[in-house]
Amino acid sequence: MTEAILNQQELTKKNIEQLLVQLTNAYQKTKSDRQEITTQFPPEDEEFSLLEEIELLTVNLRGYASQVQFTGQIANAVEAVEQLHAMRILNVPQVARFFFDSNDKYEQMKNYLRMLDYLRLLLLEYLHAEKQ
């Protein structure tokens, strides 16, 4: 790898690490949103509720980010890239409905979701730089 790519990858890694901290803080700020979302967005015919879908996205993305943070790589990178492409936040029907049907409400949760999607993009960028 060239030095420029290594530097870019290191910058992306630092950005991922900072975003993990910001996500923790942002999640704590969503407490009142989460309580209201539980009652306002019950599961319809889906397997998981809106909050459960958000938790699944969070666990998966934070898991990849933690691998980058602690080992500097992601196991099964090819599979991870495929999963990260498929994990678009708005590809989850409940999340998309919530995001666009709740108008100006739940801005803390929407901000958290935007940050999650940004983390997903950073992880893809990191993996792309790793391949070069």
N, C-alpha and C. Protein backbone atom coordinates (compact mmCIF):
# COMPACT_ATOMS: atom_id res chain seq x y z
N MET A 1 0.84 -1.18 0.00
CA MET A 1 0.00 0.00 0.00
C MET A 1 0.88 1.24 0.00
N THR A 2 0.40 2.24 -0.69
CA THR A 2 1.17 3.47 -0.71
C THR A 2 0.95 4.23 0.59
N GLU A 3 1.85 5.16 0.85
CA GLU A 3 1.75 5.95 2.08
C GLU A 3 0.47 6.78 2.11
N ALA A 4 0.07 7.33 0.95
CA ALA A 4 -1.15 8.14 0.90
C ALA A 4 -2.37 7.32 1.26
N ILE A 5 -2.43 6.08 0.77
CA ILE A 5 -3.57 5.21 1.09
C ILE A 5 -3.56 4.86 2.57
N LEU A 6 -2.38 4.57 3.11
CA LEU A 6 -2.29 4.28 4.54
C LEU A 6 -2.74 5.47 5.36
N ASN A 7 -2.33 6.66 4.98
CA ASN A 7 -2.75 7.85 5.71
C ASN A 7 -4.26 8.04 5.62
N GLN A 8 -4.82 7.83 4.43
CA GLN A 8 -6.27 7.97 4.26
C GLN A 8 -7.00 6.92 5.10
N GLN A 9 -6.48 5.71 5.10
CA GLN A 9 -7.10 4.65 5.89
C GLN A 9 -7.01 4.97 7.39
N GLU A 10 -5.88 5.50 7.82
CA GLU A 10 -5.73 5.87 9.23
C GLU A 10 -6.69 7.00 9.60
N LEU A 11 -6.88 7.96 8.70
CA LEU A 11 -7.85 9.03 8.95
C LEU A 11 -9.27 8.47 9.04
N THR A 12 -9.59 7.55 8.16
CA THR A 12 -10.91 6.94 8.20
C THR A 12 -11.10 6.16 9.50
N LYS A 13 -10.07 5.45 9.93
CA LYS A 13 -10.13 4.71 11.20
C LYS A 13 -10.38 5.67 12.36
N LYS A 14 -9.67 6.78 12.40
CA LYS A 14 -9.87 7.76 13.48
C LYS A 14 -11.30 8.32 13.44
N ASN A 15 -11.79 8.56 12.23
CA ASN A 15 -13.15 9.06 12.08
C ASN A 15 -14.15 8.03 12.60
N ILE A 16 -13.93 6.76 12.31
CA ILE A 16 -14.79 5.68 12.81
C ILE A 16 -14.76 5.66 14.34
N GLU A 17 -13.58 5.77 14.92
CA GLU A 17 -13.45 5.75 16.38
C GLU A 17 -14.18 6.93 17.01
N GLN A 18 -14.05 8.11 16.42
CA GLN A 18 -14.75 9.29 16.95
C GLN A 18 -16.26 9.13 16.81
N LEU A 19 -16.68 8.58 15.69
CA LEU A 19 -18.11 8.40 15.46
C LEU A 19 -18.71 7.40 16.45
N LEU A 20 -17.96 6.39 16.84
CA LEU A 20 -18.45 5.45 17.85
C LEU A 20 -18.79 6.17 19.15
N VAL A 21 -17.92 7.08 19.57
CA VAL A 21 -18.17 7.86 20.79
C VAL A 21 -19.40 8.75 20.60
N GLN A 22 -19.48 9.40 19.45
CA GLN A 22 -20.61 10.28 19.17
C GLN A 22 -21.92 9.50 19.12
N LEU A 23 -21.87 8.30 18.58
CA LEU A 23 -23.08 7.46 18.53
C LEU A 23 -23.57 7.09 19.93
N THR A 24 -22.63 6.79 20.81
CA THR A 24 -23.01 6.47 22.19
C THR A 24 -23.73 7.66 22.82
N ASN A 25 -23.16 8.84 22.65
CA ASN A 25 -23.78 10.05 23.20
C ASN A 25 -25.13 10.33 22.55
N ALA A 26 -25.20 10.18 21.24
CA ALA A 26 -26.45 10.44 20.52
C ALA A 26 -27.53 9.45 20.95
N TYR A 27 -27.15 8.19 21.16
CA TYR A 27 -28.13 7.19 21.57
C TYR A 27 -28.73 7.55 22.93
N GLN A 28 -27.90 8.02 23.84
CA GLN A 28 -28.40 8.41 25.16
C GLN A 28 -29.41 9.54 25.06
N LYS A 29 -29.23 10.40 24.07
CA LYS A 29 -30.16 11.53 23.88
C LYS A 29 -31.49 11.10 23.27
N THR A 30 -31.58 9.86 22.80
CA THR A 30 -32.82 9.40 22.16
C THR A 30 -33.78 8.74 23.15
N LYS A 31 -33.49 8.78 24.41
CA LYS A 31 -34.30 8.05 25.39
C LYS A 31 -35.78 8.42 25.31
N SER A 32 -36.09 9.71 25.32
CA SER A 32 -37.51 10.10 25.27
C SER A 32 -38.13 9.73 23.92
N ASP A 33 -37.36 9.88 22.84
CA ASP A 33 -37.86 9.46 21.53
C ASP A 33 -38.17 7.97 21.54
N ARG A 34 -37.27 7.16 22.08
CA ARG A 34 -37.46 5.71 22.09
C ARG A 34 -38.71 5.32 22.87
N GLN A 35 -38.95 6.00 23.99
CA GLN A 35 -40.13 5.67 24.79
C GLN A 35 -41.41 5.96 24.00
N GLU A 36 -41.43 7.08 23.30
CA GLU A 36 -42.61 7.43 22.52
C GLU A 36 -42.74 6.55 21.28
N ILE A 37 -41.63 6.23 20.65
CA ILE A 37 -41.64 5.39 19.45
C ILE A 37 -42.22 4.02 19.75
N THR A 38 -41.95 3.51 20.94
CA THR A 38 -42.48 2.20 21.33
C THR A 38 -43.99 2.15 21.21
N THR A 39 -44.65 3.22 21.61
CA THR A 39 -46.12 3.24 21.54
C THR A 39 -46.64 3.74 20.20
N GLN A 40 -45.94 4.67 19.58
CA GLN A 40 -46.42 5.26 18.32
C GLN A 40 -46.15 4.40 17.09
N PHE A 41 -45.17 3.52 17.16
CA PHE A 41 -44.79 2.69 16.01
C PHE A 41 -44.73 1.22 16.41
N PRO A 42 -45.88 0.65 16.77
CA PRO A 42 -45.88 -0.78 17.13
C PRO A 42 -45.62 -1.61 15.87
N PRO A 43 -45.10 -2.82 16.03
CA PRO A 43 -44.87 -3.66 14.85
C PRO A 43 -46.21 -3.98 14.18
N GLU A 44 -46.23 -3.89 12.88
CA GLU A 44 -47.46 -4.22 12.16
C GLU A 44 -47.41 -5.70 11.81
N ASP A 45 -46.97 -6.02 10.64
CA ASP A 45 -46.85 -7.44 10.26
C ASP A 45 -45.40 -7.85 10.16
N GLU A 46 -44.51 -7.03 10.72
CA GLU A 46 -43.08 -7.31 10.63
C GLU A 46 -42.64 -8.23 11.76
N GLU A 47 -41.51 -8.86 11.52
CA GLU A 47 -40.93 -9.75 12.52
C GLU A 47 -40.41 -8.97 13.72
N PHE A 48 -39.83 -7.78 13.45
CA PHE A 48 -39.24 -6.96 14.50
C PHE A 48 -39.90 -5.59 14.55
N SER A 49 -39.93 -5.01 15.74
CA SER A 49 -40.43 -3.65 15.88
C SER A 49 -39.41 -2.67 15.31
N LEU A 50 -39.81 -1.43 15.19
CA LEU A 50 -38.91 -0.39 14.70
C LEU A 50 -37.66 -0.30 15.56
N LEU A 51 -37.84 -0.26 16.87
CA LEU A 51 -36.67 -0.16 17.76
C LEU A 51 -35.79 -1.40 17.67
N GLU A 52 -36.38 -2.56 17.50
CA GLU A 52 -35.57 -3.77 17.34
C GLU A 52 -34.76 -3.73 16.05
N GLU A 53 -35.36 -3.21 14.98
CA GLU A 53 -34.63 -3.07 13.71
C GLU A 53 -33.46 -2.11 13.88
N ILE A 54 -33.69 -1.01 14.59
CA ILE A 54 -32.61 -0.04 14.83
C ILE A 54 -31.51 -0.68 15.67
N GLU A 55 -31.90 -1.47 16.66
CA GLU A 55 -30.90 -2.16 17.49
C GLU A 55 -30.08 -3.15 16.67
N LEU A 56 -30.73 -3.88 15.76
CA LEU A 56 -30.00 -4.82 14.90
C LEU A 56 -28.98 -4.08 14.04
N LEU A 57 -29.40 -2.97 13.44
CA LEU A 57 -28.46 -2.17 12.64
C LEU A 57 -27.31 -1.68 13.50
N THR A 58 -27.64 -1.20 14.69
CA THR A 58 -26.63 -0.67 15.60
C THR A 58 -25.61 -1.74 15.97
N VAL A 59 -26.09 -2.90 16.37
CA VAL A 59 -25.19 -3.98 16.79
C VAL A 59 -24.28 -4.39 15.64
N ASN A 60 -24.84 -4.56 14.45
CA ASN A 60 -24.03 -4.97 13.31
C ASN A 60 -22.98 -3.93 12.95
N LEU A 61 -23.39 -2.68 12.86
CA LEU A 61 -22.44 -1.63 12.47
C LEU A 61 -21.40 -1.38 13.54
N ARG A 62 -21.82 -1.36 14.79
CA ARG A 62 -20.84 -1.16 15.87
C ARG A 62 -19.88 -2.35 15.96
N GLY A 63 -20.36 -3.53 15.63
CA GLY A 63 -19.48 -4.70 15.62
C GLY A 63 -18.37 -4.55 14.60
N TYR A 64 -18.72 -4.15 13.39
CA TYR A 64 -17.70 -3.92 12.37
C TYR A 64 -16.75 -2.80 12.80
N ALA A 65 -17.32 -1.71 13.32
CA ALA A 65 -16.50 -0.57 13.73
C ALA A 65 -15.55 -0.96 14.86
N SER A 66 -16.00 -1.80 15.77
CA SER A 66 -15.13 -2.25 16.86
C SER A 66 -13.97 -3.09 16.34
N GLN A 67 -14.24 -3.89 15.32
CA GLN A 67 -13.15 -4.66 14.71
C GLN A 67 -12.09 -3.72 14.14
N VAL A 68 -12.53 -2.68 13.47
CA VAL A 68 -11.59 -1.69 12.91
C VAL A 68 -10.83 -1.03 14.04
N GLN A 69 -11.55 -0.62 15.07
CA GLN A 69 -10.94 0.09 16.20
C GLN A 69 -9.87 -0.76 16.88
N PHE A 70 -10.14 -2.02 17.12
CA PHE A 70 -9.23 -2.84 17.92
C PHE A 70 -8.23 -3.67 17.13
N THR A 71 -8.57 -4.02 15.89
CA THR A 71 -7.65 -4.85 15.11
C THR A 71 -7.16 -4.19 13.84
N GLY A 72 -7.80 -3.10 13.44
CA GLY A 72 -7.41 -2.43 12.20
C GLY A 72 -7.90 -3.13 10.96
N GLN A 73 -8.77 -4.11 11.12
CA GLN A 73 -9.32 -4.81 9.96
C GLN A 73 -10.68 -5.38 10.31
N ILE A 74 -11.36 -5.88 9.28
CA ILE A 74 -12.65 -6.52 9.48
C ILE A 74 -12.54 -7.94 8.94
N ALA A 75 -12.91 -8.90 9.77
CA ALA A 75 -12.88 -10.30 9.35
C ALA A 75 -13.86 -10.50 8.19
N ASN A 76 -13.50 -11.39 7.27
CA ASN A 76 -14.36 -11.69 6.12
C ASN A 76 -14.76 -10.42 5.38
N ALA A 77 -13.77 -9.67 4.94
CA ALA A 77 -13.98 -8.35 4.35
C ALA A 77 -14.93 -8.38 3.15
N VAL A 78 -14.82 -9.37 2.30
CA VAL A 78 -15.69 -9.43 1.11
C VAL A 78 -17.15 -9.57 1.53
N GLU A 79 -17.40 -10.45 2.48
CA GLU A 79 -18.75 -10.64 3.00
C GLU A 79 -19.22 -9.37 3.71
N ALA A 80 -18.34 -8.72 4.44
CA ALA A 80 -18.69 -7.49 5.15
C ALA A 80 -19.11 -6.40 4.17
N VAL A 81 -18.39 -6.27 3.06
CA VAL A 81 -18.75 -5.26 2.06
C VAL A 81 -20.15 -5.53 1.53
N GLU A 82 -20.45 -6.78 1.22
CA GLU A 82 -21.79 -7.14 0.74
C GLU A 82 -22.85 -6.79 1.77
N GLN A 83 -22.59 -7.13 3.02
CA GLN A 83 -23.56 -6.84 4.08
C GLN A 83 -23.72 -5.34 4.30
N LEU A 84 -22.62 -4.60 4.26
CA LEU A 84 -22.70 -3.16 4.46
C LEU A 84 -23.47 -2.48 3.34
N HIS A 85 -23.31 -2.96 2.11
CA HIS A 85 -24.10 -2.41 1.00
C HIS A 85 -25.58 -2.71 1.21
N ALA A 86 -25.89 -3.88 1.71
CA ALA A 86 -27.29 -4.28 1.92
C ALA A 86 -27.91 -3.61 3.15
N MET A 87 -27.10 -3.09 4.05
CA MET A 87 -27.57 -2.54 5.33
C MET A 87 -27.97 -1.08 5.25
N ARG A 88 -28.29 -0.58 4.09
CA ARG A 88 -28.70 0.82 4.01
C ARG A 88 -29.85 1.04 4.99
N ILE A 89 -29.72 2.07 5.77
CA ILE A 89 -30.69 2.34 6.84
C ILE A 89 -32.11 2.42 6.28
N LEU A 90 -32.27 3.12 5.17
CA LEU A 90 -33.61 3.31 4.63
C LEU A 90 -34.10 2.12 3.81
N ASN A 91 -33.30 1.07 3.71
CA ASN A 91 -33.77 -0.17 3.08
C ASN A 91 -34.65 -0.97 4.02
N VAL A 92 -34.63 -0.64 5.29
CA VAL A 92 -35.48 -1.32 6.28
C VAL A 92 -36.85 -0.62 6.24
N PRO A 93 -37.90 -1.31 5.82
CA PRO A 93 -39.20 -0.65 5.62
C PRO A 93 -39.70 0.14 6.83
N GLN A 94 -39.60 -0.44 8.04
CA GLN A 94 -40.08 0.29 9.22
C GLN A 94 -39.29 1.58 9.44
N VAL A 95 -37.99 1.53 9.21
CA VAL A 95 -37.15 2.71 9.41
C VAL A 95 -37.51 3.77 8.37
N ALA A 96 -37.70 3.37 7.13
CA ALA A 96 -38.06 4.32 6.08
C ALA A 96 -39.40 4.98 6.39
N ARG A 97 -40.40 4.18 6.79
CA ARG A 97 -41.71 4.75 7.15
C ARG A 97 -41.57 5.73 8.30
N PHE A 98 -40.84 5.32 9.33
CA PHE A 98 -40.62 6.20 10.48
C PHE A 98 -39.96 7.50 10.04
N PHE A 99 -38.93 7.38 9.24
CA PHE A 99 -38.13 8.53 8.86
C PHE A 99 -38.96 9.55 8.08
N PHE A 100 -39.81 9.08 7.19
CA PHE A 100 -40.52 9.99 6.31
C PHE A 100 -41.96 10.29 6.74
N ASP A 101 -42.53 9.46 7.60
CA ASP A 101 -43.92 9.68 8.02
C ASP A 101 -44.06 10.42 9.34
N SER A 102 -42.95 10.67 10.02
CA SER A 102 -43.06 11.30 11.34
C SER A 102 -42.77 12.80 11.28
N ASN A 103 -42.70 13.36 10.08
CA ASN A 103 -42.51 14.80 9.87
C ASN A 103 -41.37 15.36 10.72
N ASP A 104 -41.65 16.36 11.53
CA ASP A 104 -40.59 17.03 12.29
C ASP A 104 -40.40 16.45 13.69
N LYS A 105 -40.97 15.30 13.94
CA LYS A 105 -40.83 14.69 15.26
C LYS A 105 -39.62 13.76 15.30
N TYR A 106 -39.19 13.44 16.48
CA TYR A 106 -38.14 12.45 16.74
C TYR A 106 -36.81 12.81 16.07
N GLU A 107 -36.46 14.07 16.12
CA GLU A 107 -35.22 14.51 15.46
C GLU A 107 -33.97 13.89 16.07
N GLN A 108 -33.99 13.61 17.37
CA GLN A 108 -32.82 12.96 18.00
C GLN A 108 -32.61 11.57 17.41
N MET A 109 -33.69 10.82 17.24
CA MET A 109 -33.58 9.47 16.68
C MET A 109 -33.18 9.53 15.21
N LYS A 110 -33.74 10.47 14.49
CA LYS A 110 -33.38 10.61 13.07
C LYS A 110 -31.90 10.98 12.93
N ASN A 111 -31.42 11.84 13.80
CA ASN A 111 -30.00 12.19 13.79
C ASN A 111 -29.15 10.95 14.08
N TYR A 112 -29.58 10.16 15.03
CA TYR A 112 -28.86 8.92 15.35
C TYR A 112 -28.81 8.00 14.13
N LEU A 113 -29.93 7.87 13.43
CA LEU A 113 -29.97 7.02 12.24
C LEU A 113 -29.05 7.55 11.14
N ARG A 114 -29.01 8.87 10.98
CA ARG A 114 -28.09 9.45 10.00
C ARG A 114 -26.64 9.13 10.36
N MET A 115 -26.33 9.20 11.64
CA MET A 115 -24.98 8.89 12.09
C MET A 115 -24.66 7.41 11.84
N LEU A 116 -25.62 6.54 12.08
CA LEU A 116 -25.42 5.11 11.81
C LEU A 116 -25.11 4.88 10.34
N ASP A 117 -25.86 5.55 9.47
CA ASP A 117 -25.63 5.36 8.05
C ASP A 117 -24.27 5.93 7.64
N TYR A 118 -23.87 7.02 8.26
CA TYR A 118 -22.54 7.57 7.99
C TYR A 118 -21.46 6.58 8.43
N LEU A 119 -21.66 5.93 9.57
CA LEU A 119 -20.72 4.91 10.02
C LEU A 119 -20.63 3.78 8.99
N ARG A 120 -21.76 3.38 8.46
CA ARG A 120 -21.77 2.33 7.43
C ARG A 120 -20.93 2.76 6.22
N LEU A 121 -21.08 4.00 5.81
CA LEU A 121 -20.32 4.50 4.66
C LEU A 121 -18.83 4.58 4.98
N LEU A 122 -18.49 5.00 6.18
CA LEU A 122 -17.08 5.05 6.58
C LEU A 122 -16.46 3.65 6.58
N LEU A 123 -17.22 2.68 7.04
CA LEU A 123 -16.72 1.30 7.05
C LEU A 123 -16.47 0.80 5.63
N LEU A 124 -17.37 1.13 4.72
CA LEU A 124 -17.16 0.76 3.32
C LEU A 124 -15.92 1.45 2.76
N GLU A 125 -15.74 2.71 3.09
CA GLU A 125 -14.55 3.45 2.65
C GLU A 125 -13.28 2.81 3.20
N TYR A 126 -13.32 2.43 4.45
CA TYR A 126 -12.16 1.79 5.09
C TYR A 126 -11.82 0.48 4.39
N LEU A 127 -12.83 -0.31 4.12
CA LEU A 127 -12.60 -1.59 3.46
C LEU A 127 -12.11 -1.40 2.03
N HIS A 128 -12.60 -0.38 1.36
CA HIS A 128 -12.14 -0.09 0.00
C HIS A 128 -10.66 0.29 0.01
N ALA A 129 -10.26 1.12 0.96
CA ALA A 129 -8.85 1.53 1.06
C ALA A 129 -7.97 0.35 1.43
N GLU A 130 -8.52 -0.58 2.21
CA GLU A 130 -7.76 -1.76 2.64
C GLU A 130 -7.43 -2.66 1.46
N LYS A 131 -8.32 -2.70 0.46
CA LYS A 131 -8.10 -3.56 -0.71
C LYS A 131 -6.99 -3.03 -1.62
N GLN A 132 -6.73 -1.74 -1.55
CA GLN A 132 -5.74 -1.15 -2.48
C GLN A 132 -4.33 -1.34 -2.02
